[in-house]
Protein backbone atom coordinates (compact mmCIF):
# COMPACT_ATOMS: atom_id res chain seq x y z
CA MET A 1 -8.51 -10.55 -25.15
CA ASP A 2 -5.91 -13.04 -26.39
CA LEU A 3 -3.49 -11.66 -23.81
CA ILE A 4 -5.90 -12.53 -20.98
CA VAL A 5 -6.46 -16.04 -22.31
CA ASP A 6 -2.75 -16.65 -22.89
CA ASN A 7 -1.90 -15.52 -19.35
CA ALA A 8 -4.87 -17.12 -17.60
CA SER A 9 -2.66 -19.16 -15.26
CA THR A 10 -0.78 -16.01 -14.21
CA TYR A 11 -4.03 -14.22 -13.49
CA LEU A 12 -5.25 -17.20 -11.49
CA ASP A 13 -2.09 -17.12 -9.37
CA GLY A 14 -2.64 -13.43 -8.58
CA PHE A 15 -6.34 -14.07 -7.98
CA ALA A 16 -5.50 -16.84 -5.50
CA VAL A 17 -3.17 -14.56 -3.53
CA THR A 18 -5.80 -11.79 -3.44
CA ALA A 19 -8.47 -14.26 -2.32
CA ARG A 20 -6.21 -15.58 0.45
CA LEU A 21 -5.32 -12.06 1.57
CA THR A 22 -9.01 -11.19 1.71
CA ALA A 23 -10.03 -14.36 3.55
CA TYR A 24 -7.30 -14.32 6.23
CA SER A 25 -7.56 -10.58 6.79
CA ALA A 26 -11.36 -10.75 7.01
CA VAL A 27 -11.32 -13.44 9.69
CA ALA A 28 -8.77 -11.54 11.79
CA ALA A 29 -10.52 -8.19 11.26
CA LEU A 30 -13.90 -9.60 12.28
CA ALA A 31 -12.41 -11.08 15.47
CA VAL A 32 -10.54 -7.92 16.48
CA GLY A 33 -13.38 -5.64 15.40
CA LEU A 34 -15.92 -7.55 17.48
CA VAL A 35 -13.72 -7.22 20.56
CA MET A 36 -13.23 -3.50 19.95
CA ALA A 37 -16.96 -2.97 19.48
CA ALA A 38 -17.60 -4.70 22.80
CA LEU A 39 -14.98 -2.56 24.53
CA ARG A 40 -16.50 0.61 23.11
CA ILE A 41 -19.71 -0.06 25.04
CA ALA A 42 -18.03 -1.59 28.10
CA PRO A 43 -18.99 -0.31 31.58
CA LEU A 44 -15.40 0.77 32.32
CA ARG A 45 -14.55 4.17 30.87
CA SER A 46 -10.86 3.28 30.48
CA LEU A 47 -11.75 0.41 28.14
CA ARG A 48 -14.04 2.65 26.11
CA VAL A 49 -11.29 5.26 25.75
CA VAL A 50 -8.71 2.69 24.60
CA ALA A 51 -11.10 1.16 22.07
CA ALA A 52 -12.21 4.56 20.79
CA ALA A 53 -8.60 5.67 20.34
CA TYR A 54 -7.78 2.45 18.46
CA VAL A 55 -10.75 2.83 16.12
CA GLU A 56 -10.33 6.54 15.45
CA VAL A 57 -6.60 6.34 14.80
CA LEU A 58 -6.89 3.48 12.31
CA ARG A 59 -10.04 4.81 10.60
CA ASN A 60 -8.33 8.14 9.95
CA THR A 61 -4.96 6.76 8.88
CA PRO A 62 -4.32 5.88 5.21
CA LEU A 63 -3.79 2.15 4.69
CA THR A 64 -0.51 2.81 2.91
CA LEU A 65 0.75 4.57 6.03
CA VAL A 66 -0.19 1.52 8.11
CA PHE A 67 1.96 -0.60 5.79
CA PHE A 68 4.87 1.85 6.02
CA PHE A 69 4.57 1.89 9.82
CA MET A 70 4.72 -1.90 10.00
CA VAL A 71 7.63 -2.16 7.59
CA LEU A 72 9.74 0.87 8.58
CA VAL A 73 8.74 1.98 12.09
CA ALA A 74 7.84 -1.28 13.88
CA PRO A 75 11.45 -2.61 13.62
CA GLN A 76 12.55 0.42 15.68
CA PHE A 77 10.52 -1.05 18.56
CA GLY A 78 11.98 -4.53 18.19
CA ILE A 79 9.15 -5.83 16.00
CA LEU A 80 10.65 -7.37 12.87
CA PRO A 81 7.79 -8.44 10.60
CA PRO A 82 8.87 -10.26 7.42
CA LEU A 83 8.08 -8.25 4.31
CA GLY A 84 5.43 -10.16 2.39
CA PHE A 85 2.13 -11.99 2.69
CA TRP A 86 1.62 -12.25 6.46
CA THR A 87 2.70 -8.68 7.11
CA ALA A 88 0.10 -7.61 4.53
CA VAL A 89 -2.52 -9.72 6.31
CA ALA A 90 -1.68 -8.05 9.63
CA CYS A 91 -1.88 -4.54 8.17
CA LEU A 92 -5.13 -5.19 6.33
CA ALA A 93 -6.69 -6.88 9.36
CA LEU A 94 -5.77 -4.09 11.77
CA TYR A 95 -6.99 -1.38 9.40
CA THR A 96 -10.25 -3.15 8.54
CA SER A 97 -10.99 -4.10 12.16
CA ALA A 98 -11.63 -0.43 12.96
CA PHE A 99 -14.41 -0.29 10.35
CA VAL A 100 -15.79 -3.63 11.54
CA ALA A 101 -15.92 -2.27 15.09
CA GLU A 102 -17.93 0.76 13.97
CA ALA A 103 -20.34 -1.35 11.94
CA VAL A 104 -20.93 -3.70 14.88
CA ARG A 105 -21.26 -0.82 17.35
CA SER A 106 -23.84 0.80 15.08
CA GLY A 107 -25.86 -2.42 15.07
CA ILE A 108 -25.62 -2.70 18.83
CA ASN A 109 -26.79 0.89 19.29
CA GLY A 110 -29.81 0.03 17.18
CA VAL A 111 -31.02 -2.39 19.84
CA GLY A 112 -33.37 -0.77 22.35
CA VAL A 113 -31.76 0.27 25.63
CA GLY A 114 -34.62 -1.39 27.49
CA GLN A 115 -33.49 -4.79 26.22
CA ALA A 116 -30.13 -4.52 27.97
CA GLU A 117 -31.65 -2.99 31.10
CA ALA A 118 -34.17 -5.82 31.37
CA ALA A 119 -31.38 -8.39 30.97
CA ARG A 120 -29.26 -6.73 33.67
CA SER A 121 -32.27 -6.58 35.99
CA ILE A 122 -32.47 -10.38 36.06
CA GLY A 123 -28.79 -10.64 37.02
CA LEU A 124 -27.02 -11.20 33.69
CA THR A 125 -23.42 -9.96 33.45
CA PHE A 126 -22.26 -7.50 30.79
CA GLY A 127 -20.82 -10.37 28.73
CA GLN A 128 -24.01 -12.38 28.99
CA VAL A 129 -26.17 -9.40 28.05
CA LEU A 130 -24.02 -8.78 25.01
CA ARG A 131 -23.85 -12.42 23.96
CA GLU A 132 -27.38 -13.57 24.75
CA VAL A 133 -29.51 -10.48 24.20
CA VAL A 134 -27.88 -7.65 22.28
CA LEU A 135 -25.73 -9.29 19.59
CA PRO A 136 -28.40 -11.70 18.31
CA GLN A 137 -30.69 -8.71 17.69
CA ALA A 138 -27.92 -6.56 16.25
CA VAL A 139 -26.79 -9.16 13.70
CA ARG A 140 -29.63 -8.50 11.25
CA SER A 141 -28.70 -4.86 10.77
CA THR A 142 -24.95 -5.40 11.10
CA VAL A 143 -24.30 -8.05 8.44
CA PRO A 144 -25.07 -5.93 5.32
CA PRO A 145 -22.64 -3.10 6.25
CA LEU A 146 -20.06 -5.68 7.27
CA ILE A 147 -20.20 -7.16 3.79
CA ASN A 148 -19.57 -3.68 2.37
CA VAL A 149 -16.55 -3.42 4.66
CA LEU A 150 -15.27 -6.74 3.31
CA ILE A 151 -15.76 -5.52 -0.27
CA ALA A 152 -13.59 -2.52 0.60
CA LEU A 153 -11.05 -4.92 2.14
CA THR A 154 -10.90 -6.88 -1.12
CA LYS A 155 -10.05 -3.71 -3.04
CA ASN A 156 -7.59 -2.59 -0.37
CA THR A 157 -5.51 -5.73 -0.91
CA SER A 158 -4.12 -3.91 -3.97
CA VAL A 159 -1.97 -1.82 -1.60
CA ALA A 160 0.01 -4.97 -0.78
CA ALA A 161 1.40 -4.91 -4.33
CA GLY A 162 3.76 -2.15 -3.21
CA PHE A 163 5.11 -4.26 -0.36
CA ALA A 164 6.47 -7.44 -1.98
CA VAL A 165 3.16 -9.27 -2.40
CA VAL A 166 2.35 -10.40 -5.95
CA GLU A 167 -1.46 -10.29 -5.87
CA LEU A 168 -3.71 -9.12 -8.71
CA VAL A 169 -2.27 -5.61 -9.04
CA GLY A 170 1.26 -6.94 -8.70
CA THR A 171 0.48 -9.54 -11.37
CA GLY A 172 -1.00 -6.85 -13.61
CA ARG A 173 2.11 -4.71 -13.19
CA ARG A 174 4.38 -7.57 -14.24
CA LEU A 175 2.22 -8.45 -17.24
CA SER A 176 2.02 -4.79 -18.25
CA THR A 177 5.80 -4.52 -18.22
CA ALA A 178 6.15 -7.70 -20.26
CA ASN A 179 3.51 -6.61 -22.78
CA ALA A 180 4.41 -2.96 -23.31
CA GLY A 181 1.43 -1.52 -21.44
CA ASP A 182 -1.26 -3.47 -23.26
CA PRO A 183 -4.61 -2.15 -21.84
CA TRP A 184 -6.07 -5.67 -21.81
CA VAL A 185 -3.79 -6.42 -18.86
CA LEU A 186 -5.80 -4.08 -16.64
CA VAL A 187 -9.07 -5.41 -18.01
CA GLY A 188 -8.05 -8.88 -16.82
CA VAL A 189 -7.19 -7.52 -13.37
CA ALA A 190 -10.51 -5.67 -13.13
CA VAL A 191 -12.48 -8.79 -14.11
CA CYS A 192 -10.74 -10.82 -11.39
CA TYR A 193 -11.70 -8.23 -8.75
CA LEU A 194 -15.29 -8.17 -10.00
CA VAL A 195 -15.50 -11.95 -9.63
CA ILE A 196 -15.02 -11.42 -5.88
CA THR A 197 -16.81 -8.15 -5.24
CA ILE A 198 -19.99 -8.45 -7.35
CA PRO A 199 -21.28 -11.60 -5.57
CA MET A 200 -20.52 -9.95 -2.22
CA GLY A 201 -22.40 -6.82 -3.28
CA LEU A 202 -25.41 -8.84 -4.40
CA LEU A 203 -25.38 -10.69 -1.07
CA ALA A 204 -25.30 -7.38 0.83
CA THR A 205 -28.25 -6.07 -1.20
CA SER A 206 -30.24 -9.23 -0.58
CA LEU A 207 -29.59 -9.11 3.15
CA GLU A 208 -30.53 -5.43 3.33
CA ARG A 209 -33.88 -6.24 1.72
CA ARG A 210 -34.51 -9.05 4.17
CA VAL A 211 -33.67 -6.80 7.12
CA ALA A 212 -36.01 -4.08 5.82
CA PHE A 213 -38.77 -6.67 5.33
CA ALA A 214 -38.25 -8.04 8.87
CA ARG A 215 -38.68 -4.55 10.27
């Protein structure tokens, strides 16, 4: 316990990096995922195929492999991402966006088909139907699983420790080396993750109850 207290500032630095990784990646993943979900139900088959391929490839690819692709393969195509924080954000956002897209699509599919057909019958475009009719109804059932996706994103930030980003796991590794593998190092890391994930889990549970009550 003394080790955690004595290195509180170091833990806070790692915590801050993890929180920033989570926040920036979440915003980007939500934006990209929402677009991909919309494309997956678009009227044009070509758009649906592209979106489906994007989602399936990323959902079935290990996150570590996404990092390796960005760092080792992307430069072969003229893309030279700097190794570090923003490359980690890009990898985490792309990977997570596939799960966001599926969560949003599931919520959209939960809206009755008659709702969209009625909206189209009065002359609304696909974008208007999605924005004005479908998404507002889908939000209630989509938010809880999205929070679970963001909890997974928070834990996935640990992969960035292997790619020159000193977040919580990277901080724990340095402290473990400096303190001869003291087990309290990992306890401190775990507590920092729980500070982020437990409130998010409680929020997801609360929202799920409200959705069930509304139904």
